[in-house]
Protein backbone atom coordinates (compact mmCIF):
# COMPACT_ATOMS: atom_id res chain seq x y z
CA MET A 1 76.09 136.16 141.87
CA GLU A 2 73.02 136.18 144.09
CA LEU A 3 73.77 132.70 145.41
CA SER A 4 77.44 133.50 146.03
CA LYS A 5 76.54 136.61 148.01
CA ALA A 6 73.98 134.66 150.04
CA LEU A 7 76.57 132.02 151.01
CA VAL A 8 78.93 134.70 152.33
CA GLU A 9 76.09 136.36 154.25
CA LEU A 10 75.01 133.02 155.74
CA ASP A 11 78.51 132.33 156.98
CA ALA A 12 78.78 135.80 158.56
CA MET A 13 75.34 135.44 160.19
CA LEU A 14 76.32 132.14 161.82
CA VAL A 15 79.60 133.54 163.13
CA SER A 16 77.76 136.50 164.68
CA ASN A 17 74.72 134.70 166.07
CA ALA A 18 75.45 131.01 166.67
CA LYS A 19 77.05 130.89 170.11
CA GLY A 20 76.23 127.34 171.17
CA TYR A 21 72.51 127.83 171.82
CA SER A 22 69.69 126.39 169.72
CA LEU A 23 69.91 127.24 166.04
CA HIS A 24 66.14 127.02 165.52
CA THR A 25 65.63 130.79 165.91
CA LEU A 26 68.25 131.53 163.22
CA TYR A 27 66.43 129.94 160.29
CA PRO A 28 64.45 133.15 159.56
CA LYS A 29 67.79 134.97 159.34
CA VAL A 30 69.11 132.69 156.59
CA PRO A 31 69.48 134.82 153.42
CA GLN A 32 66.37 134.47 151.26
CA PRO A 33 68.06 132.73 148.29
CA LEU A 34 69.15 129.90 150.63
CA ARG A 35 65.96 129.50 152.66
CA GLY A 36 64.94 125.84 152.61
CA TYR A 37 68.21 124.77 150.98
CA VAL A 38 70.42 124.60 154.08
CA GLU A 39 70.44 122.86 157.45
CA LEU A 40 72.16 124.76 160.25
CA VAL A 41 74.42 122.63 162.46
CA TYR A 42 77.12 122.70 165.13
CA ASP A 43 80.15 120.44 165.26
CA LEU A 44 80.98 118.75 168.58
CA ASN A 45 82.97 121.81 169.66
CA ASN A 46 79.97 124.11 169.11
CA HIS A 47 81.39 125.67 165.96
CA PRO A 48 78.49 126.59 163.64
CA SER A 49 78.24 125.46 160.05
CA PHE A 50 75.64 124.44 157.47
CA ARG A 51 74.77 121.56 155.19
CA LEU A 52 73.58 122.22 151.66
CA LEU A 53 70.63 120.18 150.38
CA GLU A 54 72.31 119.59 147.05
CA SER A 55 69.62 117.37 145.57
CA LEU A 56 67.10 120.21 146.04
CA MET A 57 69.48 122.86 144.76
CA TYR A 58 69.85 120.97 141.47
CA LYS A 59 66.05 121.34 141.16
CA SER A 60 66.19 125.08 141.86
CA ARG A 61 66.62 128.00 139.47
CA TYR A 62 70.31 128.10 140.40
CA TYR A 63 70.96 125.02 138.28
CA ASP A 64 70.14 126.32 134.81
CA ARG A 65 70.85 123.80 132.06
CA SER A 66 70.24 126.45 129.41
CA LEU A 67 73.55 128.07 130.37
CA GLN A 68 75.52 124.94 129.47
CA SER A 69 77.33 124.93 126.15
CA PHE A 70 80.11 123.32 124.14
CA MET A 71 82.87 124.97 122.15
CA LEU A 72 84.03 122.70 119.32
CA SER A 73 87.29 123.34 117.51
CA THR A 74 90.10 121.50 115.78
CA ILE A 75 92.97 120.62 118.10
CA THR A 76 96.25 119.85 116.36
CA SER A 77 98.83 120.12 119.16
CA ASP A 78 99.33 120.01 122.92
CA ASP A 79 99.54 123.81 123.14
CA ARG A 80 96.29 125.07 124.69
CA PRO A 81 95.49 128.09 126.93
CA PHE A 82 95.22 127.48 130.67
CA VAL A 83 91.65 126.52 131.48
CA LEU A 84 91.28 128.31 134.84
CA SER A 85 92.22 131.78 133.58
CA THR A 86 91.21 131.89 129.91
CA PRO A 87 87.66 132.78 128.85
CA ARG A 88 86.23 130.79 125.97
CA LEU A 89 84.88 133.34 123.51
CA GLU A 90 83.19 132.79 120.19
CA SER A 91 85.49 132.97 117.19
CA ASP A 92 85.57 132.08 113.51
CA ARG A 93 87.51 128.88 114.38
CA ALA A 94 85.23 127.56 117.13
CA TYR A 95 81.67 126.32 116.82
CA HIS A 96 79.51 127.30 119.79
CA TRP A 97 76.85 124.68 120.57
CA GLN A 98 74.40 125.98 123.18
CA HIS A 99 73.27 122.66 124.54
CA SER A 100 72.60 120.96 127.85
CA PHE A 101 75.22 118.40 128.90
CA SER A 102 72.60 115.80 129.78
CA GLU A 103 70.94 115.59 126.35
CA GLU A 104 71.18 112.36 124.32
CA SER A 105 72.38 114.34 121.30
CA VAL A 106 75.67 114.88 123.19
CA ASP A 107 76.23 111.11 123.11
CA ALA A 108 75.21 111.06 119.44
CA LEU A 109 77.87 113.68 118.70
CA PHE A 110 80.69 111.82 120.42
CA ARG A 111 79.69 108.45 119.00
CA LEU A 112 80.71 109.94 115.65
CA LYS A 113 84.33 109.32 116.62
CA CYS A 114 83.75 105.66 115.80
CA GLU A 115 80.21 105.33 114.39
CA PRO A 116 79.52 107.31 111.19
CA GLN A 117 76.27 109.03 110.28
CA SER A 118 75.11 110.84 107.16
CA TYR A 119 75.83 114.55 107.04
CA ASP A 120 72.13 115.42 106.98
CA THR A 121 71.55 113.37 110.14
CA ILE A 122 74.46 115.05 111.91
CA ARG A 123 73.42 118.54 110.85
CA ASN A 124 69.86 117.97 112.01
CA PHE A 125 70.63 116.79 115.55
CA MET A 126 73.35 119.44 115.91
CA GLU A 127 70.95 122.11 114.61
CA VAL A 128 73.68 123.69 112.51
CA ALA A 129 72.73 127.12 111.17
CA ASP A 130 73.52 128.00 107.54
CA GLU A 131 76.10 130.63 108.51
CA SER A 132 78.01 128.05 110.64
CA GLU A 133 77.86 125.15 108.19
CA ALA A 134 81.26 125.65 106.56
CA LEU A 135 83.05 125.73 109.92
CA PHE A 136 81.11 122.75 111.28
CA LYS A 137 81.73 120.71 108.14
CA SER A 138 85.47 121.24 108.57
CA PHE A 139 85.33 119.10 111.75
CA LEU A 140 84.00 116.05 109.87
CA THR A 141 85.73 113.48 107.69
CA PRO A 142 84.61 110.62 105.46
CA ASP A 143 87.64 108.60 106.55
CA ALA A 144 87.09 105.99 109.25
CA PRO A 145 89.48 106.02 112.22
CA ARG A 146 91.66 103.02 112.82
CA PRO A 147 89.57 100.38 114.61
CA TYR A 148 90.12 99.50 118.25
CA GLU A 149 91.78 96.12 118.64
CA PRO A 150 90.00 94.28 121.49
CA TYR A 151 92.23 92.75 124.13
CA ARG A 152 92.21 88.96 123.88
CA GLY A 153 95.07 88.03 126.20
CA ALA A 154 95.02 85.15 128.63
CA THR A 155 94.99 87.25 131.83
CA ALA A 156 94.97 91.05 132.11
CA ARG A 157 96.89 94.10 130.98
CA TRP A 158 97.06 97.75 131.96
CA ARG A 159 97.78 100.72 129.76
CA TYR A 160 98.94 104.12 130.98
CA PHE A 161 97.25 107.00 129.13
CA GLY A 162 99.06 109.81 130.94
CA HIS A 163 98.90 111.46 134.38
CA ALA A 164 96.54 109.33 136.54
CA CYS A 165 94.63 107.73 133.66
CA VAL A 166 95.12 103.96 133.51
CA LEU A 167 93.04 101.39 131.59
CA VAL A 168 92.88 97.88 133.05
CA GLU A 169 91.50 95.16 130.77
CA THR A 170 90.77 91.48 130.78
CA PRO A 171 89.13 89.67 127.84
CA ARG A 172 85.74 90.16 129.56
CA MET A 173 86.01 93.39 131.54
CA SER A 174 87.59 96.86 131.51
CA MET A 175 88.05 99.69 133.98
CA LEU A 176 89.40 103.20 133.42
CA PHE A 177 90.83 105.36 136.21
CA ASP A 178 90.64 109.18 136.29
CA PRO A 179 90.09 109.66 132.55
CA VAL A 180 91.99 112.62 131.08
CA LEU A 181 92.84 111.81 127.47
CA SER A 182 94.85 113.22 124.60
CA TYR A 183 93.40 113.71 121.16
CA THR A 184 94.99 112.05 118.13
CA TYR A 185 97.42 114.22 116.16
CA GLU A 186 101.04 114.17 115.06
CA SER A 187 103.43 114.37 118.00
CA ASN A 188 106.94 113.33 118.98
CA ILE A 189 105.57 111.85 122.24
CA SER A 190 104.03 108.42 121.87
CA ARG A 191 100.64 108.19 123.56
CA TYR A 192 97.32 106.41 123.77
CA THR A 193 94.29 108.49 122.80
CA TYR A 194 90.50 108.22 122.58
CA LEU A 195 90.98 105.75 119.73
CA ASP A 196 92.64 103.31 122.14
CA LEU A 197 89.60 102.95 124.38
CA PRO A 198 87.41 99.84 124.12
CA LYS A 199 83.92 100.12 122.65
CA MET A 200 82.47 99.62 126.13
CA ILE A 201 84.12 100.54 129.45
CA ASP A 202 82.62 98.57 132.31
CA TYR A 203 83.84 100.83 135.12
CA VAL A 204 85.18 104.37 135.22
CA LEU A 205 86.67 105.10 138.64
CA ILE A 206 87.28 108.61 140.00
CA THR A 207 89.73 108.99 142.89
CA HIS A 208 88.95 112.59 143.87
CA ASN A 209 87.34 115.81 142.77
CA HIS A 210 90.21 117.85 141.28
CA GLN A 211 90.22 119.05 137.70
CA ASP A 212 93.06 116.73 136.63
CA HIS A 213 91.01 113.71 137.77
CA VAL A 214 87.42 114.81 136.96
CA LEU A 215 87.56 116.46 133.54
CA PHE A 216 84.21 117.05 131.85
CA GLU A 217 85.88 117.50 128.49
CA THR A 218 86.81 113.82 128.63
CA LEU A 219 83.92 112.44 130.66
CA LEU A 220 81.21 113.77 128.36
CA GLN A 221 82.99 112.37 125.32
CA ILE A 222 83.09 108.84 126.73
CA ARG A 223 79.75 108.84 128.58
CA HIS A 224 78.01 106.82 125.86
CA LYS A 225 80.41 103.89 126.33
CA VAL A 226 80.50 103.78 130.17
CA ARG A 227 78.46 101.11 131.98
CA TYR A 228 79.16 102.32 135.53
CA ILE A 229 81.04 105.23 137.02
CA VAL A 230 82.37 104.75 140.58
CA VAL A 231 82.94 107.76 142.84
CA PRO A 232 83.75 108.29 146.54
CA ARG A 233 80.75 108.93 148.78
CA SER A 234 80.30 112.41 150.26
CA GLY A 235 78.52 115.69 149.66
CA GLY A 236 76.61 118.41 151.47
CA THR A 237 79.34 120.96 152.11
CA LEU A 238 80.37 123.90 149.98
CA GLN A 239 83.93 122.66 149.53
CA ASP A 240 82.95 119.03 148.99
CA PRO A 241 80.01 118.70 146.59
CA SER A 242 78.55 115.31 145.78
CA LEU A 243 80.19 113.79 142.71
CA LYS A 244 77.26 111.44 142.36
CA LEU A 245 74.73 114.27 142.10
CA LEU A 246 77.01 116.27 139.85
CA LEU A 247 77.43 113.41 137.39
CA GLN A 248 73.78 112.41 137.48
CA ASN A 249 72.78 115.96 136.59
CA VAL A 250 74.99 115.96 133.50
CA GLY A 251 73.51 112.75 132.17
CA PHE A 252 75.26 109.80 133.87
CA THR A 253 72.55 107.39 134.95
CA ASN A 254 74.75 104.67 136.41
CA VAL A 255 76.74 106.26 139.23
CA ILE A 256 77.93 104.06 142.11
CA GLU A 257 79.12 105.62 145.36
CA ILE A 258 81.73 103.67 147.30
CA ASP A 259 82.68 104.01 150.97
CA GLU A 260 86.06 103.41 152.54
CA MET A 261 86.75 99.66 152.82
CA GLU A 262 83.65 98.88 150.75
CA GLU A 263 84.02 96.26 148.00
CA ILE A 264 82.44 95.96 144.56
CA ALA A 265 82.53 92.52 142.95
CA VAL A 266 83.68 92.45 139.31
CA ASP A 267 84.43 89.65 136.85
CA ASN A 268 87.09 87.41 138.42
CA GLY A 269 87.94 90.01 141.03
CA SER A 270 86.90 93.06 143.05
CA ILE A 271 87.31 96.81 143.55
CA THR A 272 87.81 98.06 147.12
CA GLY A 273 87.69 101.70 148.18
CA LEU A 274 90.54 102.64 150.53
CA PRO A 275 91.09 105.75 152.69
CA PHE A 276 92.93 108.64 151.00
CA PHE A 277 94.75 111.17 153.21
CA GLY A 278 96.48 114.37 152.16
CA GLU A 279 96.52 116.51 148.98
CA HIS A 280 93.54 118.56 150.15
CA ALA A 281 95.28 121.12 152.39
CA ASP A 282 93.58 119.88 155.59
CA ILE A 283 90.13 120.93 154.35
CA ASP A 284 87.33 118.57 155.41
CA ILE A 285 86.87 116.82 152.07
CA ARG A 286 85.71 113.23 151.98
CA THR A 287 85.15 112.77 148.26
CA LYS A 288 88.43 110.94 147.81
CA SER A 289 89.29 107.27 147.53
CA ALA A 290 92.22 105.09 146.59
CA TYR A 291 91.25 101.83 144.85
CA LEU A 292 92.51 98.30 145.34
CA VAL A 293 91.81 96.16 142.28
CA ARG A 294 92.04 92.39 142.46
CA ILE A 295 92.04 90.45 139.20
CA GLY A 296 92.66 86.75 139.40
CA GLY A 297 95.64 86.41 141.70
CA HIS A 298 96.88 89.97 141.14
CA SER A 299 96.41 93.09 143.26
CA LEU A 300 96.89 96.67 142.03
CA LEU A 301 96.62 99.72 144.29
CA PHE A 302 95.76 103.05 142.62
CA ALA A 303 96.61 105.53 145.36
CA ALA A 304 96.44 108.69 143.19
CA ASP A 305 97.79 111.72 145.11
CA SER A 306 97.58 110.09 148.55
CA CYS A 307 100.02 111.60 151.04
CA ASN A 308 101.22 109.27 153.79
CA ILE A 309 100.82 111.72 156.66
CA GLU A 310 99.72 108.92 159.01
CA PRO A 311 101.61 105.65 158.45
CA LYS A 312 99.50 103.89 161.09
CA MET A 313 96.55 104.04 158.72
CA TYR A 314 98.43 101.94 156.17
CA GLU A 315 99.35 99.45 158.88
CA HIS A 316 95.65 98.99 159.60
CA ILE A 317 94.81 98.69 155.90
CA HIS A 318 97.63 96.21 155.30
CA ARG A 319 96.33 94.04 158.12
CA GLU A 320 93.00 93.82 156.26
CA ILE A 321 94.03 93.54 152.60
CA GLY A 322 97.49 91.94 152.76
CA ASP A 323 100.39 92.61 150.41
CA VAL A 324 99.97 94.51 147.13
CA ASP A 325 101.65 93.43 143.91
CA THR A 326 101.58 96.76 142.06
CA LEU A 327 101.42 100.29 143.44
CA PHE A 328 100.54 103.43 141.46
CA LEU A 329 101.36 106.53 143.52
CA GLY A 330 101.52 110.26 142.80
CA MET A 331 104.51 112.18 144.17
CA GLU A 332 103.74 115.81 143.34
CA CYS A 333 105.09 116.63 146.79
CA ASN A 334 105.43 120.41 146.46
CA GLY A 335 101.75 121.10 145.93
CA ALA A 336 100.01 124.40 145.41
CA PRO A 337 98.92 126.36 148.49
CA LEU A 338 95.38 125.97 149.81
CA SER A 339 94.20 129.25 148.26
CA TRP A 340 95.10 128.17 144.70
CA LEU A 341 92.07 125.89 144.53
CA TYR A 342 89.92 126.57 147.60
CA GLY A 343 90.64 130.27 148.20
CA PRO A 344 87.34 131.54 146.76
CA LEU A 345 85.43 129.41 149.29
CA LEU A 346 87.18 130.89 152.35
CA SER A 347 84.87 133.71 153.38
CA GLY A 348 87.10 134.64 156.31
CA GLY A 349 90.38 134.80 154.41
CA LEU A 350 93.67 133.17 155.43
CA GLU A 351 97.05 134.46 156.55
CA ARG A 352 99.75 133.93 153.94
CA THR A 353 101.96 131.87 156.27
CA MET A 354 99.02 129.56 157.01
CA ASP A 355 98.17 129.34 153.33
CA GLN A 356 101.74 128.38 152.41
CA SER A 357 101.87 125.69 155.11
CA ARG A 358 98.74 123.93 153.86
CA ARG A 359 99.54 122.36 150.50
CA LEU A 360 97.78 120.30 147.84
CA ALA A 361 100.67 117.84 147.98
CA GLY A 362 101.18 114.12 147.47
CA SER A 363 103.76 111.87 149.12
CA ASN A 364 107.44 112.76 149.32
CA TYR A 365 110.24 110.16 149.28
CA ASP A 366 110.00 109.14 152.94
CA GLN A 367 106.21 108.95 152.88
CA ALA A 368 106.13 106.96 149.65
CA LEU A 369 108.83 104.59 150.87
CA GLU A 370 106.77 103.68 153.92
CA ILE A 371 103.84 102.72 151.69
CA VAL A 372 106.06 100.57 149.45
CA ASP A 373 107.61 98.80 152.43
CA GLU A 374 104.32 98.37 154.30
CA PHE A 375 102.60 96.59 151.40
CA ARG A 376 105.74 94.71 150.25
CA CYS A 377 105.10 95.82 146.69
CA ARG A 378 106.68 93.94 143.79
CA GLU A 379 106.21 96.80 141.30
CA VAL A 380 106.01 100.57 141.89
CA TYR A 381 104.91 103.16 139.35
CA VAL A 382 105.07 106.88 140.06
CA TYR A 383 102.29 108.58 138.12
CA ALA A 384 99.94 111.61 138.31
CA MET A 385 102.87 114.01 137.98
CA GLY A 386 101.25 116.29 135.39
CA GLN A 387 104.20 116.03 133.03
CA GLU A 388 102.45 115.04 129.81
CA PRO A 389 102.12 118.18 127.66
CA TRP A 390 98.47 117.49 126.83
CA LEU A 391 97.70 118.29 130.49
CA ASN A 392 99.31 121.74 130.43
CA HIS A 393 95.96 123.49 130.00
CA ILE A 394 94.70 122.09 133.31
CA MET A 395 97.92 121.55 135.32
CA SER A 396 100.46 124.18 134.24
CA LEU A 397 103.28 122.33 136.04
CA LYS A 398 106.88 122.84 134.94
CA TYR A 399 109.54 120.67 136.59
CA THR A 400 113.30 120.55 136.23
CA GLU A 401 115.50 117.68 137.38
CA GLN A 402 116.16 119.75 140.52
CA SER A 403 112.47 120.05 141.42
CA LYS A 404 111.62 118.22 144.63
CA PRO A 405 108.97 115.95 143.03
CA MET A 406 111.55 114.79 140.48
CA VAL A 407 114.33 114.39 143.06
CA ASP A 408 112.13 112.47 145.48
CA SER A 409 110.56 110.21 142.85
CA ASN A 410 114.03 109.44 141.44
CA ARG A 411 115.18 108.46 144.94
CA LEU A 412 112.18 106.15 145.37
CA ILE A 413 112.74 104.49 141.99
CA ASN A 414 116.44 103.95 142.73
CA TYR A 415 115.65 102.50 146.17
CA CYS A 416 113.11 100.10 144.68
CA ARG A 417 115.41 98.91 141.92
CA GLU A 418 118.26 98.35 144.36
CA SER A 419 115.82 96.32 146.49
CA GLY A 420 114.73 94.12 143.58
CA ILE A 421 111.42 95.93 143.06
CA ALA A 422 110.49 96.90 139.49
CA ALA A 423 109.96 100.66 139.43
CA GLU A 424 109.65 103.61 137.04
CA ARG A 425 108.09 107.03 136.68
CA LEU A 426 105.43 106.79 133.99
CA PHE A 427 105.31 109.25 131.11
CA GLY A 428 103.47 109.29 127.80
CA GLU A 429 102.31 105.71 127.37
CA ARG A 430 103.08 102.34 128.91
CA GLU A 431 101.68 98.83 128.53
CA MET A 432 102.12 95.92 130.93
CA PHE A 433 100.71 92.40 130.94
CA LEU A 434 99.97 90.61 134.20
CA GLU A 435 101.55 87.20 134.34
């Protein structure tokens, strides 16, 4: 509360006092909680702003690991309360584990999905109290899960896990995009779950910092099997915190930042970060990246929620990378208004008409079609539509066949098929093998 108030006061102080002259005299006026944690700056039009020294702030009293905790419960269906408006309170059906996210015992807990331990060992590292033992024991089983079957194909395959989560595998390497996973329980919708992940994931790649692409509930459960996690480079502003610092401070020790047009060499191929426009309501946010994956002679472009608001950019990219075999593109083209996600950060407020005009939207039909045509794609998959029911607690999207995202994605799929391009809107699970 103290830090939040100080940020509002800092913003108001700069608006009142920073008129284009030197900012040196304003440092004593920075609210005390932020002294030494911010750099005061102008943009090239003399508009004042500030840069947060995030690495120092994680060392300050404002980052308190003792406040981190887990709530463990049995999940038997897709029906869960919406995460952004529902407090998580202690109950007789949920085990509250007051524990820092970065501790090794977190990895020990989630390894139990595939690697058994004795009950005494588990109880000791979980520090289970006597009064909670019956509930905690109900989460455990002596029955081994079905084993993961390693991929041994000749080339590569990809598996769609729902929304924007795709696993790409070769016999020697694996990469997982935007991991948001379903648990394993009886359902009438076929799906891949945690049990369908390999024992080791070489690369986890995050396209951008929205809750349906960076989900701690999933990331902390798979941390012990991730070699490297790749994130877009940025940080330093209130609306655009550093994903690298965030992940490092919850226990990831192997975070790679990637710039636009930067390439990472992988086994028999490469990963290239590409510019990502749109879906952020015109806020200055740079922690976003599409990814071009080359494996053998194949190229796959994971564009996430990119919105083609400037086709010239894709002309420039195409000139550098050439044609793309397979495109994955989100088409949630309605998008929530700016205030839905970033409203609490706008200290000055926003007129409703402005708010409604600035959307968290992906590409519509015309914008998506230009991408498909520019890269001469052979296959097109519409994904990241938030339709899988196990995402309801973080997305809360309800479409009908008349909804614009459904109408526009149907149009794109029909156009592609009529043009000899394989196309579909992904849902549930899908598996494809590269020739």
